[in-house]
Amino acid sequence: MSTPLATHDHTPDSLPAALEFIKRTRWELRELRMVRVWKDRYQIIDVNKDYFEICGIGYPDADIVPLLRAVNAAFDPATIHDPTDAEYKEFLTGRRYTWAHDRVM
């Protein structure tokens, strides 16, 4: 892959800054396609394979869950922190909610 369009260095307790980075740079990409999460970085990739990256955070960290939810990634929060033999974990984006999913019947 090429170089990222933008990068952000994540430090512990700076989750709001990382979420603001996603919100600001999201519109520089086309339709989001997937997310790749390493042990130490997080990449958001669009349909043209352009991407931006957040360094310093990975799937073992607790702050990865809100970052994945910010781009509607399809993942299981119960198993996201489990170690893997692969180089990275890959999740598709664009998860949709059904109508009235938040209501109790």
Protein backbone atom coordinates (compact mmCIF):
# COMPACT_ATOMS: atom_id res chain seq x y z
CA MET A 1 0.00 0.00 0.00
CA SER A 2 1.01 3.61 -0.40
CA THR A 3 1.65 6.10 2.35
CA PRO A 4 -1.27 7.27 4.51
CA LEU A 5 -3.07 10.48 3.64
CA ALA A 6 -2.92 11.55 7.29
CA THR A 7 -1.58 10.14 10.55
CA HIS A 8 -2.26 10.72 14.21
CA ASP A 9 -0.11 9.67 17.17
CA HIS A 10 -2.31 8.29 19.93
CA THR A 11 -1.26 8.52 23.56
CA PRO A 12 -3.07 6.96 26.51
CA ASP A 13 -5.99 9.08 27.76
CA SER A 14 -6.26 10.97 24.46
CA LEU A 15 -9.28 9.15 23.03
CA PRO A 16 -11.22 12.40 22.32
CA ALA A 17 -8.32 13.64 20.17
CA ALA A 18 -8.30 10.39 18.16
CA LEU A 19 -12.08 10.54 17.66
CA GLU A 20 -11.77 14.17 16.52
CA PHE A 21 -9.03 13.12 14.08
CA ILE A 22 -11.37 10.48 12.60
CA LYS A 23 -14.21 12.97 12.35
CA ARG A 24 -12.02 15.61 10.68
CA THR A 25 -10.23 13.37 8.20
CA ARG A 26 -13.13 11.05 7.38
CA TRP A 27 -14.33 13.33 4.60
CA GLU A 28 -11.00 13.17 2.77
CA LEU A 29 -11.71 9.52 1.89
CA ARG A 30 -14.33 7.97 -0.37
CA GLU A 31 -16.74 5.36 0.95
CA LEU A 32 -15.06 3.42 3.75
CA ARG A 33 -14.30 -0.21 2.92
CA MET A 34 -12.39 -1.78 5.82
CA VAL A 35 -10.39 -1.28 8.96
CA ARG A 36 -7.10 -3.00 9.76
CA VAL A 37 -5.94 -3.16 13.36
CA TRP A 38 -2.40 -4.19 14.29
CA LYS A 39 -0.99 -4.43 17.81
CA ASP A 40 0.29 -0.87 17.53
CA ARG A 41 -1.70 0.92 14.81
CA TYR A 42 -5.14 1.34 13.29
CA GLN A 43 -5.87 2.01 9.59
CA ILE A 44 -9.10 3.10 7.93
CA ILE A 45 -9.19 2.22 4.22
CA ASP A 46 -11.62 3.43 1.54
CA VAL A 47 -12.73 1.83 -1.74
CA ASN A 48 -9.78 3.39 -3.63
CA LYS A 49 -7.32 1.92 -1.08
CA ASP A 50 -6.49 5.38 0.24
CA TYR A 51 -6.19 5.33 4.00
CA PHE A 52 -5.31 7.19 7.14
CA GLU A 53 -3.76 5.79 10.24
CA ILE A 54 -3.63 6.19 14.00
CA CYS A 55 -0.34 5.03 15.52
CA GLY A 56 0.09 3.98 19.13
CA ILE A 57 -3.16 2.03 19.54
CA GLY A 58 -4.05 -1.54 18.59
CA TYR A 59 -6.41 -4.40 19.25
CA PRO A 60 -5.05 -5.14 22.77
CA ASP A 61 -5.99 -1.62 23.93
CA ALA A 62 -9.38 -0.79 25.47
CA ASP A 63 -9.70 2.46 23.48
CA ILE A 64 -9.94 0.55 20.18
CA VAL A 65 -13.65 -0.24 20.67
CA PRO A 66 -14.88 3.39 20.41
CA LEU A 67 -12.60 3.96 17.41
CA LEU A 68 -14.04 0.93 15.60
CA ARG A 69 -17.58 2.05 16.43
CA ALA A 70 -16.83 5.52 15.06
CA VAL A 71 -16.50 4.05 11.55
CA ASN A 72 -19.29 1.44 11.94
CA ALA A 73 -16.92 -1.53 11.77
CA ALA A 74 -18.49 -4.99 12.05
CA PHE A 75 -16.64 -6.59 14.96
CA ASP A 76 -17.31 -8.50 18.19
CA PRO A 77 -16.40 -6.37 21.23
CA ALA A 78 -16.04 -9.51 23.35
CA THR A 79 -13.26 -10.96 21.20
CA ILE A 80 -11.55 -7.89 19.75
CA HIS A 81 -8.77 -7.97 22.36
CA ASP A 82 -7.90 -11.66 21.83
CA PRO A 83 -4.41 -12.27 20.39
CA THR A 84 -4.06 -13.58 16.85
CA ASP A 85 -1.35 -15.32 14.83
CA ALA A 86 -2.06 -13.08 11.84
CA GLU A 87 -0.24 -9.82 11.25
CA TYR A 88 -3.42 -7.76 11.77
CA LYS A 89 -7.18 -8.06 12.23
CA GLU A 90 -9.39 -6.84 9.38
CA PHE A 91 -13.02 -5.73 9.66
CA LEU A 92 -15.45 -4.45 7.05
CA THR A 93 -17.12 -1.11 7.67
CA GLY A 94 -20.62 0.05 6.92
CA ARG A 95 -22.50 -1.96 9.53
CA ARG A 96 -26.18 -0.98 9.52
CA TYR A 97 -28.74 -1.02 12.28
CA THR A 98 -32.29 -2.23 11.83
CA TRP A 99 -35.17 0.12 12.33
CA ALA A 100 -35.95 0.64 16.05
CA HIS A 101 -33.01 -1.49 17.20
CA ASP A 102 -32.74 0.58 20.37
CA ARG A 103 -36.36 0.17 21.45
CA VAL A 104 -37.57 -2.43 23.87
CA MET A 105 -40.71 -4.20 22.79
